[in-house]
Amino acid sequence: MGMGILSLIVLGLVIGLLAKLIMPGKDPGGIIVTILIGIVGAFVGGYIGKYFGLGEVTGFDLTSILLGTGGAILLLLIYRLLKKK
């Protein structure tokens, strides 16, 4: 991901918000946590996308947003599974 820090933060916010909209529930809250979930989700989604030949997270395009949102949803699922135990 060759983006500037501001672009990364905005992309993280968009991805984090999308993931939380798709999976509503009691998750760690606040805008900072949402941005962090989005940023880490973008890295996870980008890695998985690259591994399976689906593309990478490179900026503000549909593929990047879909992969990043998928990665963020995966993080939320893992968080909820660990929280239940």
C-alpha atoms as a PDB file:
ATOM      1  CA  MET A   1       0.000   0.000   0.000  1.00  0.00           C
ATOM      2  CA  GLY A   2       1.776   3.077  -1.228  1.00  0.00           C
ATOM      3  CA  MET A   3      -0.637   5.648   0.164  1.00  0.00           C
ATOM      4  CA  GLY A   4      -0.054   8.677   2.338  1.00  0.00           C
ATOM      5  CA  ILE A   5      -1.006   8.553   6.000  1.00  0.00           C
ATOM      6  CA  LEU A   6      -4.076  10.755   5.520  1.00  0.00           C
ATOM      7  CA  SER A   7      -5.324   8.565   2.659  1.00  0.00           C
ATOM      8  CA  LEU A   8      -4.744   5.484   4.793  1.00  0.00           C
ATOM      9  CA  ILE A   9      -6.724   6.981   7.682  1.00  0.00           C
ATOM     10  CA  VAL A  10      -9.655   7.973   5.440  1.00  0.00           C
ATOM     11  CA  LEU A  11      -9.651   4.561   3.721  1.00  0.00           C
ATOM     12  CA  GLY A  12      -9.509   2.901   7.165  1.00  0.00           C
ATOM     13  CA  LEU A  13     -12.493   4.952   8.313  1.00  0.00           C
ATOM     14  CA  VAL A  14     -14.529   4.046   5.221  1.00  0.00           C
ATOM     15  CA  ILE A  15     -13.671   0.345   5.507  1.00  0.00           C
ATOM     16  CA  GLY A  16     -14.255   0.289   9.279  1.00  0.00           C
ATOM     17  CA  LEU A  17     -17.646   1.965   8.920  1.00  0.00           C
ATOM     18  CA  LEU A  18     -18.694  -0.422   6.142  1.00  0.00           C
ATOM     19  CA  ALA A  19     -17.658  -3.442   8.211  1.00  0.00           C
ATOM     20  CA  LYS A  20     -19.590  -2.168  11.236  1.00  0.00           C
ATOM     21  CA  LEU A  21     -22.654  -1.457   9.066  1.00  0.00           C
ATOM     22  CA  ILE A  22     -22.565  -4.975   7.641  1.00  0.00           C
ATOM     23  CA  MET A  23     -21.982  -6.526  11.079  1.00  0.00           C
ATOM     24  CA  PRO A  24     -23.783  -4.392  13.646  1.00  0.00           C
ATOM     25  CA  GLY A  25     -23.290  -5.304  17.263  1.00  0.00           C
ATOM     26  CA  LYS A  26     -21.378  -4.481  20.400  1.00  0.00           C
ATOM     27  CA  ASP A  27     -17.810  -4.042  19.259  1.00  0.00           C
ATOM     28  CA  PRO A  28     -15.090  -1.804  20.573  1.00  0.00           C
ATOM     29  CA  GLY A  29     -16.349   1.656  19.711  1.00  0.00           C
ATOM     30  CA  GLY A  30     -15.143   5.082  18.859  1.00  0.00           C
ATOM     31  CA  ILE A  31     -13.856   6.569  15.663  1.00  0.00           C
ATOM     32  CA  ILE A  32     -10.206   5.712  16.395  1.00  0.00           C
ATOM     33  CA  VAL A  33     -11.012   2.017  16.898  1.00  0.00           C
ATOM     34  CA  THR A  34     -13.148   2.045  13.739  1.00  0.00           C
ATOM     35  CA  ILE A  35     -10.256   3.542  11.758  1.00  0.00           C
ATOM     36  CA  LEU A  36      -7.816   0.989  13.205  1.00  0.00           C
ATOM     37  CA  ILE A  37     -10.179  -1.893  12.377  1.00  0.00           C
ATOM     38  CA  GLY A  38     -10.408  -0.526   8.834  1.00  0.00           C
ATOM     39  CA  ILE A  39      -6.643  -0.105   8.413  1.00  0.00           C
ATOM     40  CA  VAL A  40      -5.802  -3.543   9.800  1.00  0.00           C
ATOM     41  CA  GLY A  41      -8.711  -4.993   7.814  1.00  0.00           C
ATOM     42  CA  ALA A  42      -7.241  -3.453   4.658  1.00  0.00           C
ATOM     43  CA  PHE A  43      -3.901  -5.142   5.326  1.00  0.00           C
ATOM     44  CA  VAL A  44      -5.573  -8.484   6.099  1.00  0.00           C
ATOM     45  CA  GLY A  45      -7.906  -8.248   3.106  1.00  0.00           C
ATOM     46  CA  GLY A  46      -5.055  -7.156   0.835  1.00  0.00           C
ATOM     47  CA  TYR A  47      -2.893 -10.060   1.941  1.00  0.00           C
ATOM     48  CA  ILE A  48      -5.707 -12.593   1.464  1.00  0.00           C
ATOM     49  CA  GLY A  49      -6.679 -11.014  -1.869  1.00  0.00           C
ATOM     50  CA  LYS A  50      -3.105 -11.162  -3.137  1.00  0.00           C
ATOM     51  CA  TYR A  51      -2.731 -14.774  -1.982  1.00  0.00           C
ATOM     52  CA  PHE A  52      -5.859 -15.876  -3.862  1.00  0.00           C
ATOM     53  CA  GLY A  53      -5.196 -13.667  -6.894  1.00  0.00           C
ATOM     54  CA  LEU A  54      -8.165 -11.365  -6.240  1.00  0.00           C
ATOM     55  CA  GLY A  55      -6.127  -8.163  -6.198  1.00  0.00           C
ATOM     56  CA  GLU A  56      -4.580  -5.914  -3.596  1.00  0.00           C
ATOM     57  CA  VAL A  57      -5.559  -2.915  -1.524  1.00  0.00           C
ATOM     58  CA  THR A  58      -3.959  -0.043  -3.424  1.00  0.00           C
ATOM     59  CA  GLY A  59      -6.203   2.966  -2.826  1.00  0.00           C
ATOM     60  CA  PHE A  60      -9.732   4.223  -3.257  1.00  0.00           C
ATOM     61  CA  ASP A  61     -11.092   1.755  -5.776  1.00  0.00           C
ATOM     62  CA  LEU A  62     -13.852  -0.834  -5.556  1.00  0.00           C
ATOM     63  CA  THR A  63     -11.496  -3.816  -5.283  1.00  0.00           C
ATOM     64  CA  SER A  64      -9.539  -2.220  -2.440  1.00  0.00           C
ATOM     65  CA  ILE A  65     -12.667  -1.255  -0.528  1.00  0.00           C
ATOM     66  CA  LEU A  66     -14.232  -4.717  -0.952  1.00  0.00           C
ATOM     67  CA  LEU A  67     -11.046  -6.545   0.078  1.00  0.00           C
ATOM     68  CA  GLY A  68     -10.485  -4.207   3.026  1.00  0.00           C
ATOM     69  CA  THR A  69     -14.080  -4.532   4.186  1.00  0.00           C
ATOM     70  CA  GLY A  70     -13.812  -8.317   3.959  1.00  0.00           C
ATOM     71  CA  GLY A  71     -10.652  -8.210   6.066  1.00  0.00           C
ATOM     72  CA  ALA A  72     -12.298  -5.930   8.641  1.00  0.00           C
ATOM     73  CA  ILE A  73     -15.343  -8.225   8.843  1.00  0.00           C
ATOM     74  CA  LEU A  74     -12.979 -11.141   9.430  1.00  0.00           C
ATOM     75  CA  LEU A  75     -11.354  -9.198  12.282  1.00  0.00           C
ATOM     76  CA  LEU A  76     -14.757  -8.438  13.826  1.00  0.00           C
ATOM     77  CA  LEU A  77     -15.716 -12.126  13.577  1.00  0.00           C
ATOM     78  CA  ILE A  78     -12.500 -13.199  15.290  1.00  0.00           C
ATOM     79  CA  TYR A  79     -13.003 -10.542  17.993  1.00  0.00           C
ATOM     80  CA  ARG A  80     -16.553 -11.742  18.670  1.00  0.00           C
ATOM     81  CA  LEU A  81     -15.486 -15.388  18.800  1.00  0.00           C
ATOM     82  CA  LEU A  82     -12.714 -14.619  21.275  1.00  0.00           C
ATOM     83  CA  LYS A  83     -15.014 -12.392  23.358  1.00  0.00           C
ATOM     84  CA  LYS A  84     -17.541 -15.201  23.809  1.00  0.00           C
ATOM     85  CA  LYS A  85     -14.986 -17.457  25.493  1.00  0.00           C
END
